[in-house]
Amino acid sequence: MLAKMGYTVFAIDLYGVGNRPKEISERKKMTESLYKDRAKMRLLMNGALDFASSQGVNLKQAVVIGYCFGGAAVLELARTGVDLKGFVAFHGGLSTPEDQDFSKTKGKLLI
């Protein structure tokens, strides 16, 4: 839908190649592992942005959007201070680790 509106769109796979959980318990296990390792979650998100940039995406005009666990990942990325236009979280996890806040966030937030 966004591509049809003229936006450049790409999807981030935080689970990795070959990881396609079929059962809810498997999905929970994979998301919980990333919730427990926020550094890895940020590394994966930043790696996706690096890849998008290498493909010609203008990150200065980029907005990241996520739903549920993806929304939590978007908010994690926002807290890193990456310079993007905006961060949109639909039904995302709102818990923020004690050592983090949104003071470094550069783009607009829509939650």
PDB file of N, CA and C in Angstrom:
ATOM      1  N   MET A   1       0.818  -1.184   0.000  1.00  0.00           N
ATOM      2  CA  MET A   1       0.000   0.000   0.000  1.00  0.00           C
ATOM      3  C   MET A   1       0.873   1.265   0.000  1.00  0.00           C
ATOM      4  N   LEU A   2       1.888   1.284   0.832  1.00  0.00           N
ATOM      5  CA  LEU A   2       2.770   2.455   0.885  1.00  0.00           C
ATOM      6  C   LEU A   2       3.542   2.627  -0.420  1.00  0.00           C
ATOM      7  N   ALA A   3       3.986   1.519  -0.996  1.00  0.00           N
ATOM      8  CA  ALA A   3       4.706   1.598  -2.271  1.00  0.00           C
ATOM      9  C   ALA A   3       3.808   2.173  -3.361  1.00  0.00           C
ATOM     10  N   LYS A   4       2.538   1.786  -3.365  1.00  0.00           N
ATOM     11  CA  LYS A   4       1.601   2.309  -4.359  1.00  0.00           C
ATOM     12  C   LYS A   4       1.390   3.810  -4.196  1.00  0.00           C
ATOM     13  N   MET A   5       1.647   4.316  -2.991  1.00  0.00           N
ATOM     14  CA  MET A   5       1.511   5.754  -2.726  1.00  0.00           C
ATOM     15  C   MET A   5       2.789   6.516  -3.072  1.00  0.00           C
ATOM     16  N   GLY A   6       3.802   5.788  -3.573  1.00  0.00           N
ATOM     17  CA  GLY A   6       5.030   6.433  -4.007  1.00  0.00           C
ATOM     18  C   GLY A   6       6.183   6.368  -3.026  1.00  0.00           C
ATOM     19  N   TYR A   7       5.990   5.679  -1.915  1.00  0.00           N
ATOM     20  CA  TYR A   7       7.057   5.573  -0.928  1.00  0.00           C
ATOM     21  C   TYR A   7       7.973   4.400  -1.250  1.00  0.00           C
ATOM     22  N   THR A   8       9.232   4.519  -0.884  1.00  0.00           N
ATOM     23  CA  THR A   8      10.149   3.392  -0.953  1.00  0.00           C
ATOM     24  C   THR A   8       9.916   2.561   0.301  1.00  0.00           C
ATOM     25  N   VAL A   9       9.733   1.269   0.137  1.00  0.00           N
ATOM     26  CA  VAL A   9       9.374   0.399   1.249  1.00  0.00           C
ATOM     27  C   VAL A   9      10.308  -0.798   1.274  1.00  0.00           C
ATOM     28  N   PHE A  10      10.747  -1.177   2.457  1.00  0.00           N
ATOM     29  CA  PHE A  10      11.452  -2.444   2.613  1.00  0.00           C
ATOM     30  C   PHE A  10      11.106  -3.008   3.979  1.00  0.00           C
ATOM     31  N   ALA A  11      11.186  -4.303   4.127  1.00  0.00           N
ATOM     32  CA  ALA A  11      10.840  -4.981   5.376  1.00  0.00           C
ATOM     33  C   ALA A  11      12.102  -5.497   6.050  1.00  0.00           C
ATOM     34  N   ILE A  12      12.121  -5.398   7.344  1.00  0.00           N
ATOM     35  CA  ILE A  12      13.239  -5.881   8.147  1.00  0.00           C
ATOM     36  C   ILE A  12      12.846  -7.216   8.772  1.00  0.00           C
ATOM     37  N   ASP A  13      13.717  -8.209   8.629  1.00  0.00           N
ATOM     38  CA  ASP A  13      13.493  -9.523   9.224  1.00  0.00           C
ATOM     39  C   ASP A  13      14.439  -9.677  10.405  1.00  0.00           C
ATOM     40  N   LEU A  14      13.922  -9.465  11.607  1.00  0.00           N
ATOM     41  CA  LEU A  14      14.762  -9.556  12.793  1.00  0.00           C
ATOM     42  C   LEU A  14      15.029 -10.991  13.228  1.00  0.00           C
ATOM     43  N   TYR A  15      14.282 -11.936  12.700  1.00  0.00           N
ATOM     44  CA  TYR A  15      14.501 -13.335  13.066  1.00  0.00           C
ATOM     45  C   TYR A  15      15.661 -13.957  12.310  1.00  0.00           C
ATOM     46  N   GLY A  16      15.923 -13.507  11.095  1.00  0.00           N
ATOM     47  CA  GLY A  16      17.036 -14.032  10.328  1.00  0.00           C
ATOM     48  C   GLY A  16      16.629 -15.103   9.327  1.00  0.00           C
ATOM     49  N   VAL A  17      17.536 -15.372   8.414  1.00  0.00           N
ATOM     50  CA  VAL A  17      17.296 -16.328   7.330  1.00  0.00           C
ATOM     51  C   VAL A  17      16.969 -17.711   7.894  1.00  0.00           C
ATOM     52  N   GLY A  18      15.903 -18.283   7.373  1.00  0.00           N
ATOM     53  CA  GLY A  18      15.531 -19.631   7.753  1.00  0.00           C
ATOM     54  C   GLY A  18      14.748 -19.749   9.047  1.00  0.00           C
ATOM     55  N   ASN A  19      14.575 -18.668   9.757  1.00  0.00           N
ATOM     56  CA  ASN A  19      13.821 -18.697  11.009  1.00  0.00           C
ATOM     57  C   ASN A  19      12.393 -18.233  10.758  1.00  0.00           C
ATOM     58  N   ARG A  20      11.490 -19.180  10.628  1.00  0.00           N
ATOM     59  CA  ARG A  20      10.084 -18.901  10.367  1.00  0.00           C
ATOM     60  C   ARG A  20       9.237 -19.634  11.394  1.00  0.00           C
ATOM     61  N   PRO A  21       9.122 -19.067  12.596  1.00  0.00           N
ATOM     62  CA  PRO A  21       8.349 -19.764  13.624  1.00  0.00           C
ATOM     63  C   PRO A  21       6.886 -19.928  13.213  1.00  0.00           C
ATOM     64  N   LYS A  22       6.371 -21.128  13.397  1.00  0.00           N
ATOM     65  CA  LYS A  22       4.983 -21.424  13.027  1.00  0.00           C
ATOM     66  C   LYS A  22       4.053 -21.361  14.241  1.00  0.00           C
ATOM     67  N   GLU A  23       4.556 -21.724  15.366  1.00  0.00           N
ATOM     68  CA  GLU A  23       3.751 -21.744  16.595  1.00  0.00           C
ATOM     69  C   GLU A  23       3.973 -20.449  17.383  1.00  0.00           C
ATOM     70  N   ILE A  24       2.940 -20.027  18.095  1.00  0.00           N
ATOM     71  CA  ILE A  24       3.040 -18.809  18.911  1.00  0.00           C
ATOM     72  C   ILE A  24       4.161 -18.948  19.933  1.00  0.00           C
ATOM     73  N   SER A  25       4.307 -20.117  20.518  1.00  0.00           N
ATOM     74  CA  SER A  25       5.361 -20.323  21.518  1.00  0.00           C
ATOM     75  C   SER A  25       6.749 -20.113  20.919  1.00  0.00           C
ATOM     76  N   GLU A  26       6.935 -20.509  19.658  1.00  0.00           N
ATOM     77  CA  GLU A  26       8.218 -20.303  18.983  1.00  0.00           C
ATOM     78  C   GLU A  26       8.451 -18.810  18.741  1.00  0.00           C
ATOM     79  N   ARG A  27       7.409 -18.102  18.316  1.00  0.00           N
ATOM     80  CA  ARG A  27       7.541 -16.651  18.081  1.00  0.00           C
ATOM     81  C   ARG A  27       7.866 -15.925  19.377  1.00  0.00           C
ATOM     82  N   LYS A  28       7.188 -16.300  20.444  1.00  0.00           N
ATOM     83  CA  LYS A  28       7.442 -15.670  21.743  1.00  0.00           C
ATOM     84  C   LYS A  28       8.889 -15.890  22.176  1.00  0.00           C
ATOM     85  N   LYS A  29       9.389 -17.102  21.964  1.00  0.00           N
ATOM     86  CA  LYS A  29      10.765 -17.413  22.346  1.00  0.00           C
ATOM     87  C   LYS A  29      11.753 -16.523  21.578  1.00  0.00           C
ATOM     88  N   MET A  30      11.499 -16.334  20.288  1.00  0.00           N
ATOM     89  CA  MET A  30      12.406 -15.519  19.468  1.00  0.00           C
ATOM     90  C   MET A  30      12.317 -14.044  19.844  1.00  0.00           C
ATOM     91  N   THR A  31      11.110 -13.549  20.064  1.00  0.00           N
ATOM     92  CA  THR A  31      10.990 -12.133  20.444  1.00  0.00           C
ATOM     93  C   THR A  31      11.554 -11.896  21.835  1.00  0.00           C
ATOM     94  N   GLU A  32      11.302 -12.811  22.750  1.00  0.00           N
ATOM     95  CA  GLU A  32      11.837 -12.665  24.105  1.00  0.00           C
ATOM     96  C   GLU A  32      13.360 -12.621  24.104  1.00  0.00           C
ATOM     97  N   SER A  33      13.983 -13.412  23.230  1.00  0.00           N
ATOM     98  CA  SER A  33      15.454 -13.397  23.183  1.00  0.00           C
ATOM     99  C   SER A  33      15.966 -12.023  22.757  1.00  0.00           C
ATOM    100  N   LEU A  34      15.245 -11.349  21.864  1.00  0.00           N
ATOM    101  CA  LEU A  34      15.669 -10.009  21.451  1.00  0.00           C
ATOM    102  C   LEU A  34      15.306  -8.949  22.493  1.00  0.00           C
ATOM    103  N   TYR A  35      14.192  -9.133  23.190  1.00  0.00           N
ATOM    104  CA  TYR A  35      13.873  -8.210  24.291  1.00  0.00           C
ATOM    105  C   TYR A  35      14.956  -8.268  25.366  1.00  0.00           C
ATOM    106  N   LYS A  36      15.513  -9.459  25.575  1.00  0.00           N
ATOM    107  CA  LYS A  36      16.561  -9.626  26.581  1.00  0.00           C
ATOM    108  C   LYS A  36      17.916  -9.147  26.092  1.00  0.00           C
ATOM    109  N   ASP A  37      18.090  -9.027  24.787  1.00  0.00           N
ATOM    110  CA  ASP A  37      19.363  -8.584  24.208  1.00  0.00           C
ATOM    111  C   ASP A  37      19.106  -7.359  23.326  1.00  0.00           C
ATOM    112  N   ARG A  38      18.873  -6.229  23.985  1.00  0.00           N
ATOM    113  CA  ARG A  38      18.545  -5.000  23.255  1.00  0.00           C
ATOM    114  C   ARG A  38      19.680  -4.564  22.339  1.00  0.00           C
ATOM    115  N   ALA A  39      20.913  -4.853  22.720  1.00  0.00           N
ATOM    116  CA  ALA A  39      22.049  -4.490  21.870  1.00  0.00           C
ATOM    117  C   ALA A  39      21.958  -5.226  20.534  1.00  0.00           C
ATOM    118  N   LYS A  40      21.583  -6.495  20.581  1.00  0.00           N
ATOM    119  CA  LYS A  40      21.426  -7.275  19.338  1.00  0.00           C
ATOM    120  C   LYS A  40      20.261  -6.726  18.520  1.00  0.00           C
ATOM    121  N   MET A  41      19.162  -6.370  19.182  1.00  0.00           N
ATOM    122  CA  MET A  41      18.017  -5.810  18.466  1.00  0.00           C
ATOM    123  C   MET A  41      18.431  -4.527  17.734  1.00  0.00           C
ATOM    124  N   ARG A  42      19.158  -3.655  18.418  1.00  0.00           N
ATOM    125  CA  ARG A  42      19.627  -2.403  17.793  1.00  0.00           C
ATOM    126  C   ARG A  42      20.593  -2.699  16.643  1.00  0.00           C
ATOM    127  N   LEU A  43      21.469  -3.679  16.836  1.00  0.00           N
ATOM    128  CA  LEU A  43      22.425  -4.053  15.787  1.00  0.00           C
ATOM    129  C   LEU A  43      21.690  -4.523  14.530  1.00  0.00           C
ATOM    130  N   LEU A  44      20.674  -5.350  14.708  1.00  0.00           N
ATOM    131  CA  LEU A  44      19.895  -5.832  13.566  1.00  0.00           C
ATOM    132  C   LEU A  44      19.145  -4.693  12.878  1.00  0.00           C
ATOM    133  N   MET A  45      18.553  -3.807  13.655  1.00  0.00           N
ATOM    134  CA  MET A  45      17.821  -2.673  13.074  1.00  0.00           C
ATOM    135  C   MET A  45      18.777  -1.754  12.314  1.00  0.00           C
ATOM    136  N   ASN A  46      19.912  -1.449  12.917  1.00  0.00           N
ATOM    137  CA  ASN A  46      20.886  -0.584  12.242  1.00  0.00           C
ATOM    138  C   ASN A  46      21.472  -1.257  11.011  1.00  0.00           C
ATOM    139  N   GLY A  47      21.661  -2.576  11.061  1.00  0.00           N
ATOM    140  CA  GLY A  47      22.134  -3.304   9.888  1.00  0.00           C
ATOM    141  C   GLY A  47      21.148  -3.203   8.736  1.00  0.00           C
ATOM    142  N   ALA A  48      19.862  -3.272   9.064  1.00  0.00           N
ATOM    143  CA  ALA A  48      18.830  -3.130   8.029  1.00  0.00           C
ATOM    144  C   ALA A  48      18.870  -1.730   7.428  1.00  0.00           C
ATOM    145  N   LEU A  49      19.060  -0.718   8.260  1.00  0.00           N
ATOM    146  CA  LEU A  49      19.158   0.651   7.738  1.00  0.00           C
ATOM    147  C   LEU A  49      20.395   0.825   6.865  1.00  0.00           C
ATOM    148  N   ASP A  50      21.503   0.225   7.279  1.00  0.00           N
ATOM    149  CA  ASP A  50      22.722   0.285   6.463  1.00  0.00           C
ATOM    150  C   ASP A  50      22.478  -0.346   5.094  1.00  0.00           C
ATOM    151  N   PHE A  51      21.783  -1.483   5.086  1.00  0.00           N
ATOM    152  CA  PHE A  51      21.480  -2.149   3.823  1.00  0.00           C
ATOM    153  C   PHE A  51      20.576  -1.267   2.964  1.00  0.00           C
ATOM    154  N   ALA A  52      19.551  -0.706   3.569  1.00  0.00           N
ATOM    155  CA  ALA A  52      18.642   0.177   2.817  1.00  0.00           C
ATOM    156  C   ALA A  52      19.405   1.352   2.222  1.00  0.00           C
ATOM    157  N   SER A  53      20.293   1.921   2.997  1.00  0.00           N
ATOM    158  CA  SER A  53      21.107   3.039   2.502  1.00  0.00           C
ATOM    159  C   SER A  53      21.977   2.602   1.333  1.00  0.00           C
ATOM    160  N   SER A  54      22.541   1.399   1.418  1.00  0.00           N
ATOM    161  CA  SER A  54      23.392   0.895   0.327  1.00  0.00           C
ATOM    162  C   SER A  54      22.599   0.666  -0.952  1.00  0.00           C
ATOM    163  N   GLN A  55      21.270   0.544  -0.813  1.00  0.00           N
ATOM    164  CA  GLN A  55      20.393   0.339  -1.974  1.00  0.00           C
ATOM    165  C   GLN A  55      19.824   1.665  -2.488  1.00  0.00           C
ATOM    166  N   GLY A  56      20.290   2.777  -1.908  1.00  0.00           N
ATOM    167  CA  GLY A  56      19.882   4.086  -2.396  1.00  0.00           C
ATOM    168  C   GLY A  56      18.776   4.765  -1.620  1.00  0.00           C
ATOM    169  N   VAL A  57      18.327   4.171  -0.519  1.00  0.00           N
ATOM    170  CA  VAL A  57      17.283   4.800   0.285  1.00  0.00           C
ATOM    171  C   VAL A  57      17.871   6.013   1.004  1.00  0.00           C
ATOM    172  N   ASN A  58      17.195   7.143   0.891  1.00  0.00           N
ATOM    173  CA  ASN A  58      17.605   8.368   1.571  1.00  0.00           C
ATOM    174  C   ASN A  58      17.096   8.308   3.011  1.00  0.00           C
ATOM    175  N   LEU A  59      17.961   7.953   3.939  1.00  0.00           N
ATOM    176  CA  LEU A  59      17.547   7.776   5.322  1.00  0.00           C
ATOM    177  C   LEU A  59      17.127   9.088   5.977  1.00  0.00           C
ATOM    178  N   LYS A  60      17.579  10.206   5.456  1.00  0.00           N
ATOM    179  CA  LYS A  60      17.164  11.498   6.018  1.00  0.00           C
ATOM    180  C   LYS A  60      15.672  11.736   5.806  1.00  0.00           C
ATOM    181  N   GLN A  61      15.091  11.029   4.848  1.00  0.00           N
ATOM    182  CA  GLN A  61      13.656  11.150   4.557  1.00  0.00           C
ATOM    183  C   GLN A  61      12.890   9.879   4.944  1.00  0.00           C
ATOM    184  N   ALA A  62      13.509   9.028   5.749  1.00  0.00           N
ATOM    185  CA  ALA A  62      12.923   7.724   6.068  1.00  0.00           C
ATOM    186  C   ALA A  62      12.143   7.750   7.380  1.00  0.00           C
ATOM    187  N   VAL A  63      11.110   6.933   7.392  1.00  0.00           N
ATOM    188  CA  VAL A  63      10.313   6.678   8.585  1.00  0.00           C
ATOM    189  C   VAL A  63      10.274   5.171   8.768  1.00  0.00           C
ATOM    190  N   VAL A  64      10.488   4.709   9.987  1.00  0.00           N
ATOM    191  CA  VAL A  64      10.368   3.284  10.261  1.00  0.00           C
ATOM    192  C   VAL A  64       9.032   3.035  10.952  1.00  0.00           C
ATOM    193  N   ILE A  65       8.391   1.952  10.544  1.00  0.00           N
ATOM    194  CA  ILE A  65       7.062   1.612  11.044  1.00  0.00           C
ATOM    195  C   ILE A  65       7.089   0.165  11.510  1.00  0.00           C
ATOM    196  N   GLY A  66       6.486  -0.107  12.646  1.00  0.00           N
ATOM    197  CA  GLY A  66       6.405  -1.475  13.122  1.00  0.00           C
ATOM    198  C   GLY A  66       5.124  -1.742  13.863  1.00  0.00           C
ATOM    199  N   TYR A  67       4.706  -2.997  13.816  1.00  0.00           N
ATOM    200  CA  TYR A  67       3.497  -3.432  14.498  1.00  0.00           C
ATOM    201  C   TYR A  67       3.863  -4.478  15.546  1.00  0.00           C
ATOM    202  N   CYS A  68       3.323  -4.348  16.739  1.00  0.00           N
ATOM    203  CA  CYS A  68       3.511  -5.268  17.850  1.00  0.00           C
ATOM    204  C   CYS A  68       5.006  -5.363  18.194  1.00  0.00           C
ATOM    205  N   PHE A  69       5.628  -6.531  18.056  1.00  0.00           N
ATOM    206  CA  PHE A  69       7.061  -6.629  18.341  1.00  0.00           C
ATOM    207  C   PHE A  69       7.853  -5.667  17.456  1.00  0.00           C
ATOM    208  N   GLY A  70       7.437  -5.527  16.208  1.00  0.00           N
ATOM    209  CA  GLY A  70       8.095  -4.573  15.307  1.00  0.00           C
ATOM    210  C   GLY A  70       7.988  -3.146  15.812  1.00  0.00           C
ATOM    211  N   GLY A  71       6.874  -2.819  16.438  1.00  0.00           N
ATOM    212  CA  GLY A  71       6.711  -1.487  17.030  1.00  0.00           C
ATOM    213  C   GLY A  71       7.673  -1.271  18.178  1.00  0.00           C
ATOM    214  N   ALA A  72       7.875  -2.302  18.992  1.00  0.00           N
ATOM    215  CA  ALA A  72       8.844  -2.214  20.081  1.00  0.00           C
ATOM    216  C   ALA A  72      10.257  -2.022  19.520  1.00  0.00           C
ATOM    217  N   ALA A  73      10.570  -2.737  18.431  1.00  0.00           N
ATOM    218  CA  ALA A  73      11.885  -2.597  17.797  1.00  0.00           C
ATOM    219  C   ALA A  73      12.070  -1.187  17.237  1.00  0.00           C
ATOM    220  N   VAL A  74      11.012  -0.619  16.691  1.00  0.00           N
ATOM    221  CA  VAL A  74      11.067   0.750  16.173  1.00  0.00           C
ATOM    222  C   VAL A  74      11.391   1.726  17.310  1.00  0.00           C
ATOM    223  N   LEU A  75      10.737   1.546  18.463  1.00  0.00           N
ATOM    224  CA  LEU A  75      10.996   2.430  19.599  1.00  0.00           C
ATOM    225  C   LEU A  75      12.405   2.238  20.141  1.00  0.00           C
ATOM    226  N   GLU A  76      12.887   1.004  20.102  1.00  0.00           N
ATOM    227  CA  GLU A  76      14.279   0.742  20.506  1.00  0.00           C
ATOM    228  C   GLU A  76      15.232   1.507  19.589  1.00  0.00           C
ATOM    229  N   LEU A  77      14.950   1.475  18.301  1.00  0.00           N
ATOM    230  CA  LEU A  77      15.774   2.199  17.339  1.00  0.00           C
ATOM    231  C   LEU A  77      15.705   3.702  17.582  1.00  0.00           C
ATOM    232  N   ALA A  78      14.529   4.208  17.872  1.00  0.00           N
ATOM    233  CA  ALA A  78      14.367   5.645  18.124  1.00  0.00           C
ATOM    234  C   ALA A  78      15.241   6.098  19.282  1.00  0.00           C
ATOM    235  N   ARG A  79      15.315   5.299  20.331  1.00  0.00           N
ATOM    236  CA  ARG A  79      16.095   5.667  21.513  1.00  0.00           C
ATOM    237  C   ARG A  79      17.594   5.708  21.246  1.00  0.00           C
ATOM    238  N   THR A  80      18.051   5.124  20.132  1.00  0.00           N
ATOM    239  CA  THR A  80      19.490   5.126  19.835  1.00  0.00           C
ATOM    240  C   THR A  80      19.965   6.480  19.319  1.00  0.00           C
ATOM    241  N   GLY A  81      19.032   7.303  18.846  1.00  0.00           N
ATOM    242  CA  GLY A  81      19.410   8.604  18.302  1.00  0.00           C
ATOM    243  C   GLY A  81      19.695   8.588  16.818  1.00  0.00           C
ATOM    244  N   VAL A  82      19.359   7.492  16.127  1.00  0.00           N
ATOM    245  CA  VAL A  82      19.568   7.437  14.686  1.00  0.00           C
ATOM    246  C   VAL A  82      18.762   8.564  14.042  1.00  0.00           C
ATOM    247  N   ASP A  83      19.359   9.187  13.035  1.00  0.00           N
ATOM    248  CA  ASP A  83      18.776  10.376  12.421  1.00  0.00           C
ATOM    249  C   ASP A  83      17.805   9.997  11.304  1.00  0.00           C
ATOM    250  N   LEU A  84      16.560   9.754  11.678  1.00  0.00           N
ATOM    251  CA  LEU A  84      15.496   9.445  10.726  1.00  0.00           C
ATOM    252  C   LEU A  84      14.389  10.473  10.885  1.00  0.00           C
ATOM    253  N   LYS A  85      13.547  10.555   9.903  1.00  0.00           N
ATOM    254  CA  LYS A  85      12.454  11.531   9.930  1.00  0.00           C
ATOM    255  C   LYS A  85      11.393  11.178  10.972  1.00  0.00           C
ATOM    256  N   GLY A  86      11.151   9.887  11.169  1.00  0.00           N
ATOM    257  CA  GLY A  86      10.142   9.512  12.135  1.00  0.00           C
ATOM    258  C   GLY A  86      10.134   8.049  12.486  1.00  0.00           C
ATOM    259  N   PHE A  87       9.391   7.752  13.548  1.00  0.00           N
ATOM    260  CA  PHE A  87       9.272   6.403  14.095  1.00  0.00           C
ATOM    261  C   PHE A  87       7.805   6.170  14.428  1.00  0.00           C
ATOM    262  N   VAL A  88       7.218   5.110  13.874  1.00  0.00           N
ATOM    263  CA  VAL A  88       5.801   4.816  14.084  1.00  0.00           C
ATOM    264  C   VAL A  88       5.675   3.420  14.679  1.00  0.00           C
ATOM    265  N   ALA A  89       5.023   3.343  15.831  1.00  0.00           N
ATOM    266  CA  ALA A  89       4.801   2.054  16.490  1.00  0.00           C
ATOM    267  C   ALA A  89       3.307   1.833  16.654  1.00  0.00           C
ATOM    268  N   PHE A  90       2.805   0.778  16.014  1.00  0.00           N
ATOM    269  CA  PHE A  90       1.418   0.366  16.173  1.00  0.00           C
ATOM    270  C   PHE A  90       1.390  -0.797  17.153  1.00  0.00           C
ATOM    271  N   HIS A  91       0.693  -0.636  18.257  1.00  0.00           N
ATOM    272  CA  HIS A  91       0.519  -1.707  19.227  1.00  0.00           C
ATOM    273  C   HIS A  91       1.882  -2.271  19.662  1.00  0.00           C
ATOM    274  N   GLY A  92       2.877  -1.401  19.758  1.00  0.00           N
ATOM    275  CA  GLY A  92       4.220  -1.842  20.117  1.00  0.00           C
ATOM    276  C   GLY A  92       4.416  -1.915  21.620  1.00  0.00           C
ATOM    277  N   GLY A  93       5.342  -2.755  22.039  1.00  0.00           N
ATOM    278  CA  GLY A  93       5.687  -2.834  23.450  1.00  0.00           C
ATOM    279  C   GLY A  93       6.279  -1.506  23.915  1.00  0.00           C
ATOM    280  N   LEU A  94       5.758  -0.980  25.012  1.00  0.00           N
ATOM    281  CA  LEU A  94       6.165   0.344  25.471  1.00  0.00           C
ATOM    282  C   LEU A  94       7.178   0.317  26.602  1.00  0.00           C
ATOM    283  N   SER A  95       7.541  -0.861  27.078  1.00  0.00           N
ATOM    284  CA  SER A  95       8.503  -0.913  28.183  1.00  0.00           C
ATOM    285  C   SER A  95       9.857  -0.382  27.717  1.00  0.00           C
ATOM    286  N   THR A  96      10.459   0.413  28.564  1.00  0.00           N
ATOM    287  CA  THR A  96      11.758   1.019  28.259  1.00  0.00           C
ATOM    288  C   THR A  96      12.755   0.558  29.316  1.00  0.00           C
ATOM    289  N   PRO A  97      13.871  -0.019  28.908  1.00  0.00           N
ATOM    290  CA  PRO A  97      14.880  -0.436  29.884  1.00  0.00           C
ATOM    291  C   PRO A  97      15.310   0.742  30.760  1.00  0.00           C
ATOM    292  N   GLU A  98      15.670   0.445  32.001  1.00  0.00           N
ATOM    293  CA  GLU A  98      16.027   1.489  32.974  1.00  0.00           C
ATOM    294  C   GLU A  98      17.107   2.436  32.484  1.00  0.00           C
ATOM    295  N   ASP A  99      18.055   1.931  31.718  1.00  0.00           N
ATOM    296  CA  ASP A  99      19.180   2.759  31.286  1.00  0.00           C
ATOM    297  C   ASP A  99      18.907   3.500  29.975  1.00  0.00           C
ATOM    298  N   GLN A 100      17.651   3.520  29.528  1.00  0.00           N
ATOM    299  CA  GLN A 100      17.318   4.174  28.271  1.00  0.00           C
ATOM    300  C   GLN A 100      16.194   5.183  28.463  1.00  0.00           C
ATOM    301  N   ASP A 101      16.141   6.137  27.537  1.00  0.00           N
ATOM    302  CA  ASP A 101      15.018   7.062  27.453  1.00  0.00           C
ATOM    303  C   ASP A 101      14.973   7.588  26.025  1.00  0.00           C
ATOM    304  N   PHE A 102      14.114   8.536  25.773  1.00  0.00           N
ATOM    305  CA  PHE A 102      13.932   9.048  24.414  1.00  0.00           C
ATOM    306  C   PHE A 102      14.657  10.380  24.193  1.00  0.00           C
ATOM    307  N   SER A 103      15.579  10.733  25.062  1.00  0.00           N
ATOM    308  CA  SER A 103      16.246  12.038  24.959  1.00  0.00           C
ATOM    309  C   SER A 103      17.108  12.175  23.709  1.00  0.00           C
ATOM    310  N   LYS A 104      17.598  11.083  23.134  1.00  0.00           N
ATOM    311  CA  LYS A 104      18.429  11.136  21.928  1.00  0.00           C
ATOM    312  C   LYS A 104      17.610  11.095  20.632  1.00  0.00           C
ATOM    313  N   THR A 105      16.317  10.832  20.742  1.00  0.00           N
ATOM    314  CA  THR A 105      15.480  10.655  19.557  1.00  0.00           C
ATOM    315  C   THR A 105      15.484  11.909  18.705  1.00  0.00           C
ATOM    316  N   LYS A 106      15.763  11.735  17.410  1.00  0.00           N
ATOM    317  CA  LYS A 106      15.862  12.877  16.493  1.00  0.00           C
ATOM    318  C   LYS A 106      14.627  13.078  15.629  1.00  0.00           C
ATOM    319  N   GLY A 107      13.932  12.021  15.315  1.00  0.00           N
ATOM    320  CA  GLY A 107      12.737  12.150  14.471  1.00  0.00           C
ATOM    321  C   GLY A 107      11.479  12.237  15.314  1.00  0.00           C
ATOM    322  N   LYS A 108      10.369  12.407  14.632  1.00  0.00           N
ATOM    323  CA  LYS A 108       9.081  12.465  15.332  1.00  0.00           C
ATOM    324  C   LYS A 108       8.622  11.063  15.687  1.00  0.00           C
ATOM    325  N   LEU A 109       7.886  10.986  16.778  1.00  0.00           N
ATOM    326  CA  LEU A 109       7.329   9.726  17.241  1.00  0.00           C
ATOM    327  C   LEU A 109       5.817   9.722  17.061  1.00  0.00           C
ATOM    328  N   LEU A 110       5.300   8.617  16.562  1.00  0.00           N
ATOM    329  CA  LEU A 110       3.859   8.406  16.482  1.00  0.00           C
ATOM    330  C   LEU A 110       3.600   7.025  17.071  1.00  0.00           C
ATOM    331  N   ILE A 111       2.943   7.010  18.212  1.00  0.00           N
ATOM    332  CA  ILE A 111       2.729   5.754  18.919  1.00  0.00           C
ATOM    333  C   ILE A 111       1.237   5.559  19.125  1.00  0.00           C
TER     334      ILE A 111
END
